[in-house]
PDB file of N, CA and C in Angstrom:
ATOM      1  N   MET A   1       0.838  -1.181   0.000  1.00  0.00           N
ATOM      2  CA  MET A   1       0.000   0.000   0.000  1.00  0.00           C
ATOM      3  C   MET A   1       0.881   1.241   0.000  1.00  0.00           C
ATOM      4  N   LYS A   2       0.592   2.143  -0.926  1.00  0.00           N
ATOM      5  CA  LYS A   2       1.327   3.405  -0.976  1.00  0.00           C
ATOM      6  C   LYS A   2       0.657   4.409  -0.052  1.00  0.00           C
ATOM      7  N   VAL A   3       1.478   5.145   0.672  1.00  0.00           N
ATOM      8  CA  VAL A   3       0.973   6.211   1.540  1.00  0.00           C
ATOM      9  C   VAL A   3       1.598   7.511   1.043  1.00  0.00           C
ATOM     10  N   SER A   4       0.769   8.478   0.738  1.00  0.00           N
ATOM     11  CA  SER A   4       1.262   9.753   0.212  1.00  0.00           C
ATOM     12  C   SER A   4       2.152  10.453   1.235  1.00  0.00           C
ATOM     13  N   LEU A   5       2.953  11.381   0.732  1.00  0.00           N
ATOM     14  CA  LEU A   5       3.794  12.168   1.640  1.00  0.00           C
ATOM     15  C   LEU A   5       2.943  12.960   2.616  1.00  0.00           C
ATOM     16  N   ILE A   6       1.817  13.491   2.145  1.00  0.00           N
ATOM     17  CA  ILE A   6       0.919  14.239   3.033  1.00  0.00           C
ATOM     18  C   ILE A   6       0.406  13.323   4.138  1.00  0.00           C
ATOM     19  N   GLY A   7       0.047  12.094   3.780  1.00  0.00           N
ATOM     20  CA  GLY A   7      -0.408  11.122   4.777  1.00  0.00           C
ATOM     21  C   GLY A   7       0.686  10.768   5.765  1.00  0.00           C
ATOM     22  N   GLN A   8       1.909  10.637   5.273  1.00  0.00           N
ATOM     23  CA  GLN A   8       3.031  10.334   6.168  1.00  0.00           C
ATOM     24  C   GLN A   8       3.305  11.489   7.120  1.00  0.00           C
ATOM     25  N   ILE A   9       3.239  12.709   6.607  1.00  0.00           N
ATOM     26  CA  ILE A   9       3.450  13.890   7.464  1.00  0.00           C
ATOM     27  C   ILE A   9       2.364  13.959   8.530  1.00  0.00           C
ATOM     28  N   ALA A  10       1.126  13.692   8.143  1.00  0.00           N
ATOM     29  CA  ALA A  10       0.018  13.705   9.109  1.00  0.00           C
ATOM     30  C   ALA A  10       0.242  12.660  10.196  1.00  0.00           C
ATOM     31  N   GLU A  11       0.718  11.495   9.814  1.00  0.00           N
ATOM     32  CA  GLU A  11       0.975  10.439  10.800  1.00  0.00           C
ATOM     33  C   GLU A  11       2.104  10.832  11.747  1.00  0.00           C
ATOM     34  N   VAL A  12       3.143  11.439  11.226  1.00  0.00           N
ATOM     35  CA  VAL A  12       4.247  11.898  12.078  1.00  0.00           C
ATOM     36  C   VAL A  12       3.756  13.005  13.007  1.00  0.00           C
ATOM     37  N   ASP A  13       2.909  13.893  12.515  1.00  0.00           N
ATOM     38  CA  ASP A  13       2.346  14.945  13.369  1.00  0.00           C
ATOM     39  C   ASP A  13       1.528  14.329  14.513  1.00  0.00           C
ATOM     40  N   ARG A  14       0.767  13.285  14.197  1.00  0.00           N
ATOM     41  CA  ARG A  14      -0.012  12.591  15.229  1.00  0.00           C
ATOM     42  C   ARG A  14       0.934  11.972  16.266  1.00  0.00           C
ATOM     43  N   GLU A  15       2.010  11.370  15.796  1.00  0.00           N
ATOM     44  CA  GLU A  15       2.989  10.751  16.702  1.00  0.00           C
ATOM     45  C   GLU A  15       3.656  11.802  17.585  1.00  0.00           C
ATOM     46  N   ILE A  16       3.999  12.949  17.012  1.00  0.00           N
ATOM     47  CA  ILE A  16       4.623  14.024  17.790  1.00  0.00           C
ATOM     48  C   ILE A  16       3.664  14.493  18.888  1.00  0.00           C
ATOM     49  N   ALA A  17       2.404  14.702  18.544  1.00  0.00           N
ATOM     50  CA  ALA A  17       1.410  15.142  19.534  1.00  0.00           C
ATOM     51  C   ALA A  17       1.254  14.112  20.649  1.00  0.00           C
ATOM     52  N   MET A  18       1.253  12.833  20.269  1.00  0.00           N
ATOM     53  CA  MET A  18       1.126  11.768  21.272  1.00  0.00           C
ATOM     54  C   MET A  18       2.341  11.772  22.207  1.00  0.00           C
ATOM     55  N   ARG A  19       3.533  11.917  21.635  1.00  0.00           N
ATOM     56  CA  ARG A  19       4.741  11.938  22.462  1.00  0.00           C
ATOM     57  C   ARG A  19       4.745  13.140  23.403  1.00  0.00           C
ATOM     58  N   GLN A  20       4.246  14.270  22.921  1.00  0.00           N
ATOM     59  CA  GLN A  20       4.201  15.464  23.772  1.00  0.00           C
ATOM     60  C   GLN A  20       3.260  15.264  24.962  1.00  0.00           C
ATOM     61  N   ARG A  21       2.245  14.422  24.805  1.00  0.00           N
ATOM     62  CA  ARG A  21       1.342  14.111  25.917  1.00  0.00           C
ATOM     63  C   ARG A  21       1.921  13.030  26.834  1.00  0.00           C
ATOM     64  N   VAL A  22       2.563  12.017  26.244  1.00  0.00           N
ATOM     65  CA  VAL A  22       2.985  10.831  26.996  1.00  0.00           C
ATOM     66  C   VAL A  22       4.331  11.017  27.700  1.00  0.00           C
ATOM     67  N   TYR A  23       5.302  11.625  27.047  1.00  0.00           N
ATOM     68  CA  TYR A  23       6.648  11.696  27.615  1.00  0.00           C
ATOM     69  C   TYR A  23       6.708  12.391  28.982  1.00  0.00           C
ATOM     70  N   PRO A  24       6.013  13.511  29.185  1.00  0.00           N
ATOM     71  CA  PRO A  24       6.081  14.137  30.514  1.00  0.00           C
ATOM     72  C   PRO A  24       5.607  13.188  31.630  1.00  0.00           C
ATOM     73  N   GLU A  25       4.569  12.433  31.341  1.00  0.00           N
ATOM     74  CA  GLU A  25       4.066  11.464  32.328  1.00  0.00           C
ATOM     75  C   GLU A  25       5.085  10.350  32.560  1.00  0.00           C
ATOM     76  N   GLN A  26       5.714   9.891  31.493  1.00  0.00           N
ATOM     77  CA  GLN A  26       6.734   8.838  31.619  1.00  0.00           C
ATOM     78  C   GLN A  26       7.918   9.332  32.460  1.00  0.00           C
ATOM     79  N   MET A  27       8.293  10.589  32.271  1.00  0.00           N
ATOM     80  CA  MET A  27       9.401  11.148  33.050  1.00  0.00           C
ATOM     81  C   MET A  27       8.986  11.330  34.512  1.00  0.00           C
ATOM     82  N   ARG A  28       7.762  11.772  34.747  1.00  0.00           N
ATOM     83  CA  ARG A  28       7.271  11.956  36.115  1.00  0.00           C
ATOM     84  C   ARG A  28       7.281  10.638  36.875  1.00  0.00           C
ATOM     85  N   LYS A  29       6.936   9.537  36.182  1.00  0.00           N
ATOM     86  CA  LYS A  29       6.916   8.207  36.802  1.00  0.00           C
ATOM     87  C   LYS A  29       8.304   7.592  36.899  1.00  0.00           C
ATOM     88  N   GLY A  30       9.316   8.254  36.338  1.00  0.00           N
ATOM     89  CA  GLY A  30      10.671   7.729  36.389  1.00  0.00           C
ATOM     90  C   GLY A  30      10.949   6.656  35.345  1.00  0.00           C
ATOM     91  N   LYS A  31      10.079   6.502  34.361  1.00  0.00           N
ATOM     92  CA  LYS A  31      10.252   5.480  33.326  1.00  0.00           C
ATOM     93  C   LYS A  31      11.047   6.006  32.131  1.00  0.00           C
ATOM     94  N   MET A  32      11.304   7.314  32.125  1.00  0.00           N
ATOM     95  CA  MET A  32      12.042   7.921  31.018  1.00  0.00           C
ATOM     96  C   MET A  32      12.796   9.121  31.556  1.00  0.00           C
ATOM     97  N   ARG A  33      13.982   9.324  31.046  1.00  0.00           N
ATOM     98  CA  ARG A  33      14.768  10.490  31.419  1.00  0.00           C
ATOM     99  C   ARG A  33      14.574  11.602  30.396  1.00  0.00           C
ATOM    100  N   GLN A  34      14.819  12.808  30.826  1.00  0.00           N
ATOM    101  CA  GLN A  34      14.669  13.974  29.947  1.00  0.00           C
ATOM    102  C   GLN A  34      15.550  13.837  28.701  1.00  0.00           C
ATOM    103  N   ALA A  35      16.783  13.374  28.872  1.00  0.00           N
ATOM    104  CA  ALA A  35      17.705  13.238  27.740  1.00  0.00           C
ATOM    105  C   ALA A  35      17.159  12.265  26.690  1.00  0.00           C
ATOM    106  N   GLU A  36      16.540  11.182  27.147  1.00  0.00           N
ATOM    107  CA  GLU A  36      15.962  10.203  26.222  1.00  0.00           C
ATOM    108  C   GLU A  36      14.770  10.819  25.479  1.00  0.00           C
ATOM    109  N   ALA A  37      13.905  11.513  26.212  1.00  0.00           N
ATOM    110  CA  ALA A  37      12.744  12.168  25.598  1.00  0.00           C
ATOM    111  C   ALA A  37      13.196  13.199  24.564  1.00  0.00           C
ATOM    112  N   ASP A  38      14.220  13.971  24.915  1.00  0.00           N
ATOM    113  CA  ASP A  38      14.744  14.975  23.988  1.00  0.00           C
ATOM    114  C   ASP A  38      15.281  14.327  22.711  1.00  0.00           C
ATOM    115  N   LEU A  39      16.044  13.244  22.880  1.00  0.00           N
ATOM    116  CA  LEU A  39      16.615  12.551  21.732  1.00  0.00           C
ATOM    117  C   LEU A  39      15.514  11.992  20.824  1.00  0.00           C
ATOM    118  N   LEU A  40      14.519  11.348  21.423  1.00  0.00           N
ATOM    119  CA  LEU A  40      13.428  10.770  20.633  1.00  0.00           C
ATOM    120  C   LEU A  40      12.609  11.847  19.922  1.00  0.00           C
ATOM    121  N   MET A  41      12.401  12.976  20.574  1.00  0.00           N
ATOM    122  CA  MET A  41      11.678  14.076  19.931  1.00  0.00           C
ATOM    123  C   MET A  41      12.508  14.684  18.794  1.00  0.00           C
ATOM    124  N   GLN A  42      13.814  14.794  18.984  1.00  0.00           N
ATOM    125  CA  GLN A  42      14.674  15.303  17.907  1.00  0.00           C
ATOM    126  C   GLN A  42      14.605  14.383  16.692  1.00  0.00           C
ATOM    127  N   ARG A  43      14.618  13.081  16.938  1.00  0.00           N
ATOM    128  CA  ARG A  43      14.559  12.119  15.832  1.00  0.00           C
ATOM    129  C   ARG A  43      13.245  12.234  15.056  1.00  0.00           C
ATOM    130  N   ILE A  44      12.133  12.285  15.758  1.00  0.00           N
ATOM    131  CA  ILE A  44      10.835  12.334  15.075  1.00  0.00           C
ATOM    132  C   ILE A  44      10.660  13.683  14.364  1.00  0.00           C
ATOM    133  N   GLN A  45      11.200  14.756  14.941  1.00  0.00           N
ATOM    134  CA  GLN A  45      11.155  16.057  14.264  1.00  0.00           C
ATOM    135  C   GLN A  45      11.995  16.022  12.981  1.00  0.00           C
ATOM    136  N   ALA A  46      13.128  15.314  13.020  1.00  0.00           N
ATOM    137  CA  ALA A  46      13.976  15.181  11.830  1.00  0.00           C
ATOM    138  C   ALA A  46      13.249  14.389  10.744  1.00  0.00           C
ATOM    139  N   VAL A  47      12.514  13.372  11.141  1.00  0.00           N
ATOM    140  CA  VAL A  47      11.715  12.598  10.182  1.00  0.00           C
ATOM    141  C   VAL A  47      10.704  13.530   9.518  1.00  0.00           C
ATOM    142  N   ARG A  48      10.027  14.342  10.329  1.00  0.00           N
ATOM    143  CA  ARG A  48       9.033  15.275   9.789  1.00  0.00           C
ATOM    144  C   ARG A  48       9.677  16.263   8.823  1.00  0.00           C
ATOM    145  N   GLU A  49      10.823  16.812   9.210  1.00  0.00           N
ATOM    146  CA  GLU A  49      11.524  17.767   8.342  1.00  0.00           C
ATOM    147  C   GLU A  49      11.913  17.123   7.015  1.00  0.00           C
ATOM    148  N   SER A  50      12.356  15.872   7.052  1.00  0.00           N
ATOM    149  CA  SER A  50      12.722  15.159   5.820  1.00  0.00           C
ATOM    150  C   SER A  50      11.507  14.981   4.921  1.00  0.00           C
ATOM    151  N   LEU A  51      10.384  14.576   5.509  1.00  0.00           N
ATOM    152  CA  LEU A  51       9.159  14.379   4.725  1.00  0.00           C
ATOM    153  C   LEU A  51       8.658  15.693   4.131  1.00  0.00           C
ATOM    154  N   VAL A  52       8.717  16.762   4.903  1.00  0.00           N
ATOM    155  CA  VAL A  52       8.282  18.071   4.406  1.00  0.00           C
ATOM    156  C   VAL A  52       9.194  18.516   3.257  1.00  0.00           C
ATOM    157  N   PHE A  53      10.490  18.307   3.398  1.00  0.00           N
ATOM    158  CA  PHE A  53      11.431  18.643   2.324  1.00  0.00           C
ATOM    159  C   PHE A  53      11.082  17.872   1.053  1.00  0.00           C
ATOM    160  N   LEU A  54      10.847  16.570   1.198  1.00  0.00           N
ATOM    161  CA  LEU A  54      10.477  15.749   0.038  1.00  0.00           C
ATOM    162  C   LEU A  54       9.196  16.256  -0.609  1.00  0.00           C
ATOM    163  N   LYS A  55       8.205  16.609   0.205  1.00  0.00           N
ATOM    164  CA  LYS A  55       6.936  17.098  -0.332  1.00  0.00           C
ATOM    165  C   LYS A  55       7.128  18.421  -1.069  1.00  0.00           C
ATOM    166  N   GLU A  56       7.905  19.326  -0.482  1.00  0.00           N
ATOM    167  CA  GLU A  56       8.136  20.633  -1.091  1.00  0.00           C
ATOM    168  C   GLU A  56       8.898  20.526  -2.412  1.00  0.00           C
ATOM    169  N   HIS A  57       9.706  19.494  -2.566  1.00  0.00           N
ATOM    170  CA  HIS A  57      10.543  19.343  -3.758  1.00  0.00           C
ATOM    171  C   HIS A  57      10.151  18.110  -4.589  1.00  0.00           C
ATOM    172  N   GLU A  58       8.958  17.593  -4.355  1.00  0.00           N
ATOM    173  CA  GLU A  58       8.527  16.343  -4.986  1.00  0.00           C
ATOM    174  C   GLU A  58       8.593  16.397  -6.515  1.00  0.00           C
ATOM    175  N   SER A  59       8.064  17.478  -7.136  1.00  0.00           N
ATOM    176  CA  SER A  59       8.069  17.504  -8.605  1.00  0.00           C
ATOM    177  C   SER A  59       9.484  17.535  -9.158  1.00  0.00           C
ATOM    178  N   PHE A  60      10.355  18.307  -8.529  1.00  0.00           N
ATOM    179  CA  PHE A  60      11.740  18.383  -8.989  1.00  0.00           C
ATOM    180  C   PHE A  60      12.431  17.027  -8.833  1.00  0.00           C
ATOM    181  N   ILE A  61      12.237  16.374  -7.700  1.00  0.00           N
ATOM    182  CA  ILE A  61      12.862  15.069  -7.448  1.00  0.00           C
ATOM    183  C   ILE A  61      12.376  14.054  -8.479  1.00  0.00           C
ATOM    184  N   ARG A  62      11.068  14.037  -8.737  1.00  0.00           N
ATOM    185  CA  ARG A  62      10.521  13.110  -9.734  1.00  0.00           C
ATOM    186  C   ARG A  62      11.088  13.392 -11.125  1.00  0.00           C
ATOM    187  N   ALA A  63      11.192  14.666 -11.476  1.00  0.00           N
ATOM    188  CA  ALA A  63      11.740  15.034 -12.786  1.00  0.00           C
ATOM    189  C   ALA A  63      13.195  14.602 -12.907  1.00  0.00           C
ATOM    190  N   MET A  64      13.957  14.764 -11.845  1.00  0.00           N
ATOM    191  CA  MET A  64      15.362  14.353 -11.870  1.00  0.00           C
ATOM    192  C   MET A  64      15.499  12.839 -12.013  1.00  0.00           C
ATOM    193  N   ILE A  65      14.631  12.097 -11.365  1.00  0.00           N
ATOM    194  CA  ILE A  65      14.659  10.638 -11.482  1.00  0.00           C
ATOM    195  C   ILE A  65      14.353  10.234 -12.925  1.00  0.00           C
ATOM    196  N   VAL A  66      13.330  10.839 -13.505  1.00  0.00           N
ATOM    197  CA  VAL A  66      12.980  10.539 -14.898  1.00  0.00           C
ATOM    198  C   VAL A  66      14.144  10.886 -15.816  1.00  0.00           C
ATOM    199  N   ALA A  67      14.739  12.058 -15.610  1.00  0.00           N
ATOM    200  CA  ALA A  67      15.864  12.488 -16.453  1.00  0.00           C
ATOM    201  C   ALA A  67      17.040  11.531 -16.314  1.00  0.00           C
ATOM    202  N   LYS A  68      17.311  11.093 -15.106  1.00  0.00           N
ATOM    203  CA  LYS A  68      18.433  10.190 -14.862  1.00  0.00           C
ATOM    204  C   LYS A  68      18.213   8.864 -15.581  1.00  0.00           C
ATOM    205  N   ILE A  69      16.967   8.398 -15.612  1.00  0.00           N
ATOM    206  CA  ILE A  69      16.640   7.146 -16.289  1.00  0.00           C
ATOM    207  C   ILE A  69      16.583   7.356 -17.794  1.00  0.00           C
ATOM    208  N   ALA A  70      15.959   8.448 -18.230  1.00  0.00           N
ATOM    209  CA  ALA A  70      15.706   8.677 -19.649  1.00  0.00           C
ATOM    210  C   ALA A  70      16.966   9.017 -20.430  1.00  0.00           C
ATOM    211  N   ASP A  71      17.884   9.767 -19.840  1.00  0.00           N
ATOM    212  CA  ASP A  71      19.055  10.217 -20.581  1.00  0.00           C
ATOM    213  C   ASP A  71      19.881   9.056 -21.126  1.00  0.00           C
ATOM    214  N   PRO A  72      20.261   8.058 -20.308  1.00  0.00           N
ATOM    215  CA  PRO A  72      21.015   6.932 -20.861  1.00  0.00           C
ATOM    216  C   PRO A  72      20.212   6.164 -21.918  1.00  0.00           C
ATOM    217  N   LEU A  73      18.896   6.068 -21.727  1.00  0.00           N
ATOM    218  CA  LEU A  73      18.057   5.386 -22.711  1.00  0.00           C
ATOM    219  C   LEU A  73      18.062   6.149 -24.026  1.00  0.00           C
ATOM    220  N   MET A  74      17.996   7.488 -23.957  1.00  0.00           N
ATOM    221  CA  MET A  74      18.023   8.305 -25.158  1.00  0.00           C
ATOM    222  C   MET A  74      19.358   8.141 -25.870  1.00  0.00           C
ATOM    223  N   GLU A  75      20.445   8.129 -25.118  1.00  0.00           N
ATOM    224  CA  GLU A  75      21.765   7.954 -25.730  1.00  0.00           C
ATOM    225  C   GLU A  75      21.848   6.616 -26.449  1.00  0.00           C
ATOM    226  N   GLU A  76      21.345   5.568 -25.820  1.00  0.00           N
ATOM    227  CA  GLU A  76      21.369   4.238 -26.435  1.00  0.00           C
ATOM    228  C   GLU A  76      20.479   4.207 -27.680  1.00  0.00           C
ATOM    229  N   ALA A  77      19.309   4.840 -27.605  1.00  0.00           N
ATOM    230  CA  ALA A  77      18.405   4.878 -28.756  1.00  0.00           C
ATOM    231  C   ALA A  77      19.047   5.630 -29.921  1.00  0.00           C
ATOM    232  N   MET A  78      19.722   6.724 -29.623  1.00  0.00           N
ATOM    233  CA  MET A  78      20.379   7.499 -30.672  1.00  0.00           C
ATOM    234  C   MET A  78      21.498   6.686 -31.316  1.00  0.00           C
ATOM    235  N   LYS A  79      22.227   5.945 -30.517  1.00  0.00           N
ATOM    236  CA  LYS A  79      23.312   5.105 -31.030  1.00  0.00           C
ATOM    237  C   LYS A  79      22.754   4.035 -31.977  1.00  0.00           C
ATOM    238  N   ILE A  80      21.683   3.388 -31.557  1.00  0.00           N
ATOM    239  CA  ILE A  80      21.055   2.356 -32.383  1.00  0.00           C
ATOM    240  C   ILE A  80      20.524   2.975 -33.671  1.00  0.00           C
ATOM    241  N   ALA A  81      19.895   4.143 -33.563  1.00  0.00           N
ATOM    242  CA  ALA A  81      19.349   4.815 -34.743  1.00  0.00           C
ATOM    243  C   ALA A  81      20.454   5.146 -35.740  1.00  0.00           C
ATOM    244  N   GLU A  82      21.588   5.620 -35.251  1.00  0.00           N
ATOM    245  CA  GLU A  82      22.716   5.930 -36.141  1.00  0.00           C
ATOM    246  C   GLU A  82      23.171   4.678 -36.881  1.00  0.00           C
ATOM    247  N   GLU A  83      23.219   3.559 -36.185  1.00  0.00           N
ATOM    248  CA  GLU A  83      23.653   2.300 -36.793  1.00  0.00           C
ATOM    249  C   GLU A  83      22.664   1.808 -37.847  1.00  0.00           C
ATOM    250  N   GLN A  84      21.396   2.219 -37.720  1.00  0.00           N
ATOM    251  CA  GLN A  84      20.341   1.726 -38.604  1.00  0.00           C
ATOM    252  C   GLN A  84      20.015   2.681 -39.758  1.00  0.00           C
ATOM    253  N   LYS A  85      20.757   3.775 -39.903  1.00  0.00           N
ATOM    254  CA  LYS A  85      20.423   4.804 -40.890  1.00  0.00           C
ATOM    255  C   LYS A  85      20.212   4.256 -42.296  1.00  0.00           C
ATOM    256  N   ASP A  86      21.034   3.346 -42.712  1.00  0.00           N
ATOM    257  CA  ASP A  86      20.955   2.861 -44.098  1.00  0.00           C
ATOM    258  C   ASP A  86      19.781   1.916 -44.336  1.00  0.00           C
ATOM    259  N   LYS A  87      19.017   1.598 -43.316  1.00  0.00           N
ATOM    260  CA  LYS A  87      17.912   0.651 -43.455  1.00  0.00           C
ATOM    261  C   LYS A  87      16.556   1.340 -43.581  1.00  0.00           C
ATOM    262  N   GLY A  88      16.540   2.641 -43.725  1.00  0.00           N
ATOM    263  CA  GLY A  88      15.291   3.370 -43.895  1.00  0.00           C
ATOM    264  C   GLY A  88      14.772   3.938 -42.587  1.00  0.00           C
ATOM    265  N   GLY A  89      14.244   5.154 -42.648  1.00  0.00           N
ATOM    266  CA  GLY A  89      13.704   5.801 -41.457  1.00  0.00           C
ATOM    267  C   GLY A  89      13.544   7.277 -41.713  1.00  0.00           C
ATOM    268  N   ARG A  90      13.428   8.055 -40.661  1.00  0.00           N
ATOM    269  CA  ARG A  90      13.291   9.495 -40.814  1.00  0.00           C
ATOM    270  C   ARG A  90      13.833  10.201 -39.589  1.00  0.00           C
ATOM    271  N   TYR A  91      14.070  11.498 -39.763  1.00  0.00           N
ATOM    272  CA  TYR A  91      14.532  12.326 -38.653  1.00  0.00           C
ATOM    273  C   TYR A  91      13.339  12.925 -37.926  1.00  0.00           C
ATOM    274  N   VAL A  92      13.417  12.965 -36.615  1.00  0.00           N
ATOM    275  CA  VAL A  92      12.391  13.631 -35.808  1.00  0.00           C
ATOM    276  C   VAL A  92      13.095  14.553 -34.818  1.00  0.00           C
ATOM    277  N   ARG A  93      12.399  15.607 -34.417  1.00  0.00           N
ATOM    278  CA  ARG A  93      12.958  16.519 -33.409  1.00  0.00           C
ATOM    279  C   ARG A  93      12.672  15.971 -32.023  1.00  0.00           C
ATOM    280  N   VAL A  94      13.712  15.892 -31.209  1.00  0.00           N
ATOM    281  CA  VAL A  94      13.582  15.433 -29.829  1.00  0.00           C
ATOM    282  C   VAL A  94      14.085  16.562 -28.936  1.00  0.00           C
ATOM    283  N   PRO A  95      13.211  17.135 -28.085  1.00  0.00           N
ATOM    284  CA  PRO A  95      13.635  18.245 -27.223  1.00  0.00           C
ATOM    285  C   PRO A  95      14.894  17.887 -26.433  1.00  0.00           C
ATOM    286  N   GLY A  96      15.870  18.776 -26.500  1.00  0.00           N
ATOM    287  CA  GLY A  96      17.114  18.566 -25.766  1.00  0.00           C
ATOM    288  C   GLY A  96      18.124  17.707 -26.509  1.00  0.00           C
ATOM    289  N   HIS A  97      17.717  17.137 -27.658  1.00  0.00           N
ATOM    290  CA  HIS A  97      18.628  16.270 -28.408  1.00  0.00           C
ATOM    291  C   HIS A  97      18.683  16.614 -29.891  1.00  0.00           C
ATOM    292  N   GLY A  98      17.944  17.637 -30.312  1.00  0.00           N
ATOM    293  CA  GLY A  98      17.964  18.037 -31.712  1.00  0.00           C
ATOM    294  C   GLY A  98      17.235  17.043 -32.599  1.00  0.00           C
ATOM    295  N   ARG A  99      17.749  16.881 -33.808  1.00  0.00           N
ATOM    296  CA  ARG A  99      17.144  15.940 -34.751  1.00  0.00           C
ATOM    297  C   ARG A  99      17.724  14.555 -34.518  1.00  0.00           C
ATOM    298  N   VAL A 100      16.859  13.586 -34.412  1.00  0.00           N
ATOM    299  CA  VAL A 100      17.277  12.202 -34.166  1.00  0.00           C
ATOM    300  C   VAL A 100      16.727  11.332 -35.284  1.00  0.00           C
ATOM    301  N   TYR A 101      17.556  10.465 -35.804  1.00  0.00           N
ATOM    302  CA  TYR A 101      17.121   9.551 -36.857  1.00  0.00           C
ATOM    303  C   TYR A 101      16.376   8.376 -36.236  1.00  0.00           C
ATOM    304  N   VAL A 102      15.178   8.116 -36.718  1.00  0.00           N
ATOM    305  CA  VAL A 102      14.364   7.022 -36.197  1.00  0.00           C
ATOM    306  C   VAL A 102      14.171   6.000 -37.310  1.00  0.00           C
ATOM    307  N   PRO A 103      14.709   4.787 -37.118  1.00  0.00           N
ATOM    308  CA  PRO A 103      14.522   3.765 -38.146  1.00  0.00           C
ATOM    309  C   PRO A 103      13.071   3.310 -38.178  1.00  0.00           C
ATOM    310  N   LEU A 104      12.558   3.043 -39.360  1.00  0.00           N
ATOM    311  CA  LEU A 104      11.185   2.572 -39.506  1.00  0.00           C
ATOM    312  C   LEU A 104      11.207   1.112 -39.927  1.00  0.00           C
ATOM    313  N   LYS A 105      10.371   0.319 -39.274  1.00  0.00           N
ATOM    314  CA  LYS A 105      10.261  -1.082 -39.657  1.00  0.00           C
ATOM    315  C   LYS A 105       9.452  -1.162 -40.938  1.00  0.00           C
ATOM    316  N   ARG A 106       9.895  -1.973 -41.833  1.00  0.00           N
ATOM    317  CA  ARG A 106       9.171  -2.144 -43.090  1.00  0.00           C
ATOM    318  C   ARG A 106       8.340  -3.402 -43.029  1.00  0.00           C
ATOM    319  N   ALA A 107       7.107  -3.293 -43.483  1.00  0.00           N
ATOM    320  CA  ALA A 107       6.228  -4.464 -43.532  1.00  0.00           C
ATOM    321  C   ALA A 107       6.709  -5.403 -44.623  1.00  0.00           C
ATOM    322  N   ARG A 108       6.666  -6.668 -44.376  1.00  0.00           N
ATOM    323  CA  ARG A 108       7.111  -7.642 -45.376  1.00  0.00           C
ATOM    324  C   ARG A 108       5.963  -8.218 -46.115  1.00  0.00           C
TER     325      ARG A 108
END
């Protein structure tokens, strides 16, 4: 099951609120020390900050992933197209790559 970044942030916010209610009681009962509570709160706040960063930059991150995958594929496709030039095809414009030769399969 996929959980959206917004859903993950909401869950972390719920966890932070719960810890803010529970930790003082745990410390009062002697079951937790202040240093431990501080460390655990710092960790969960860092998780929240990471998720918020991802959400704020989600489109850019997704675009970079696509570009990272697509660029080597485009290079390989261009190489294959160059090798196939004499077998028939046509040039097409590809944004960021200029004119690229695309071989066409011929029906037999």
